[in-house]
Protein backbone atom coordinates (compact mmCIF):
# COMPACT_ATOMS: atom_id res chain seq x y z
CA MET A 1 157.70 77.51 127.07
CA ALA A 2 160.63 76.73 124.65
CA GLN A 3 158.19 75.36 122.10
CA ALA A 4 156.31 78.67 122.01
CA ILE A 5 159.11 80.45 120.18
CA ARG A 6 159.95 79.02 116.72
CA PRO A 7 162.80 80.40 114.70
CA GLN A 8 161.93 81.52 111.11
CA SER A 9 163.78 79.10 108.87
CA SER A 10 162.63 80.63 105.66
CA ILE A 11 161.19 84.08 105.12
CA SER A 12 158.35 84.17 102.63
CA LEU A 13 156.13 87.18 102.04
CA LEU A 14 153.11 86.77 104.29
CA ALA A 15 153.02 82.98 103.85
CA THR A 16 152.79 82.25 107.54
CA ASP A 17 152.32 78.53 107.73
CA GLY A 18 155.41 77.47 105.82
CA LYS A 19 153.54 74.74 103.87
CA PRO A 20 153.22 74.51 100.04
CA HIS A 21 149.77 75.33 98.60
CA PRO A 22 149.95 74.36 94.86
CA LEU A 23 146.21 74.56 94.14
CA GLN A 24 145.89 77.95 95.78
CA ASP A 25 149.02 79.24 94.11
CA THR A 26 147.85 78.07 90.70
CA LEU A 27 144.43 79.72 91.16
CA MET A 28 146.19 82.86 92.30
CA ALA A 29 148.39 82.97 89.16
CA VAL A 30 145.52 82.13 86.80
CA THR A 31 143.35 84.89 88.40
CA LEU A 32 146.16 87.46 88.10
CA VAL A 33 146.83 86.59 84.39
CA LEU A 34 143.16 86.61 83.50
CA GLY A 35 142.61 89.84 85.43
CA THR A 36 145.50 91.55 83.58
CA VAL A 37 144.17 90.35 80.17
CA ALA A 38 140.72 91.42 80.94
CA PHE A 39 141.77 94.77 82.35
CA VAL A 40 144.00 95.62 79.44
CA THR A 41 141.70 94.43 76.67
CA GLY A 42 138.74 96.03 78.32
CA PHE A 43 139.81 99.46 77.05
CA PHE A 44 139.54 98.36 73.43
CA HIS A 45 136.03 98.29 71.98
CA ASN A 46 136.75 95.56 69.40
CA LEU A 47 138.22 93.23 72.01
CA HIS A 48 134.98 92.95 74.12
CA LEU A 49 134.68 89.22 73.67
CA LEU A 50 138.13 88.58 75.03
CA SER A 51 137.75 91.02 77.96
CA SER A 52 134.35 89.85 78.97
CA TRP A 53 135.15 86.15 78.90
CA ALA A 54 138.57 86.57 80.54
CA GLY A 55 136.93 88.70 83.21
CA LEU A 56 134.16 86.23 83.85
CA ILE A 57 136.54 83.26 84.18
CA GLY A 58 138.93 85.42 86.30
CA ILE A 59 136.05 86.31 88.65
CA LEU A 60 135.05 82.66 89.02
CA THR A 61 138.65 81.35 89.57
CA GLY A 62 139.37 84.26 91.96
CA ALA A 63 136.13 83.61 93.99
CA TYR A 64 136.98 79.92 94.29
CA GLY A 65 140.56 80.75 95.20
CA GLN A 66 139.35 83.13 97.97
CA PHE A 67 137.12 80.30 99.21
CA ILE A 68 140.04 77.90 99.63
CA SER A 69 142.87 80.31 100.29
CA VAL A 70 145.08 79.75 103.36
CA THR A 71 147.52 82.62 103.63
CA THR A 72 147.33 86.39 103.49
CA ARG A 73 149.67 86.47 100.41
CA GLU A 74 147.17 84.39 98.54
CA ARG A 75 144.23 86.46 99.51
CA PHE A 76 145.98 89.70 98.73
CA ALA A 77 146.88 88.65 95.12
CA LEU A 78 143.44 87.11 94.58
CA ILE A 79 141.72 90.38 95.48
CA ILE A 80 144.05 92.26 93.01
CA GLY A 81 143.21 89.74 90.31
CA LEU A 82 139.49 89.75 91.17
CA GLY A 83 139.33 93.55 90.91
CA ALA A 84 141.13 93.64 87.56
CA SER A 85 138.90 90.81 86.27
CA ALA A 86 135.72 92.61 87.41
CA VAL A 87 136.78 95.94 85.74
CA GLY A 88 137.60 94.12 82.48
CA PHE A 89 134.43 92.13 82.64
CA TYR A 90 132.28 95.25 83.16
CA LEU A 91 134.05 97.12 80.42
CA GLY A 92 133.65 94.12 78.02
CA MET A 93 130.01 93.91 78.88
CA ALA A 94 129.54 97.62 78.16
CA HIS A 95 131.32 97.38 74.80
CA GLY A 96 129.38 94.43 73.49
CA GLY A 97 128.99 91.63 75.97
CA LEU A 98 129.82 87.93 76.10
CA PHE A 99 128.42 87.01 72.75
CA GLY A 100 128.84 90.21 70.76
CA GLY A 101 125.68 89.94 68.63
CA TRP A 102 126.08 86.22 67.94
CA ALA A 103 123.04 85.33 70.10
CA GLY A 104 120.52 87.83 68.89
């Protein structure tokens, strides 16, 4: 039974397996940055192109990140980024959409 109890050598916030996840961490960071950009620019009518495209790309990267995520920390941050991306995307679509009158 000695192998059942392992000492915690490094404490990381909700990263329970102790292994590096570079792809998941990159997707998490990209989703958070795009979500922040989409959310902030979504409140300005003249920045609808930036908010809608950043939101759409943030939703796609966040969805793929959720699909391949391993730890709770990654999933938590991805959900925050996905929510911000979705709000920014919807506000951008309400203010003019992805193409803003260029396509008709």
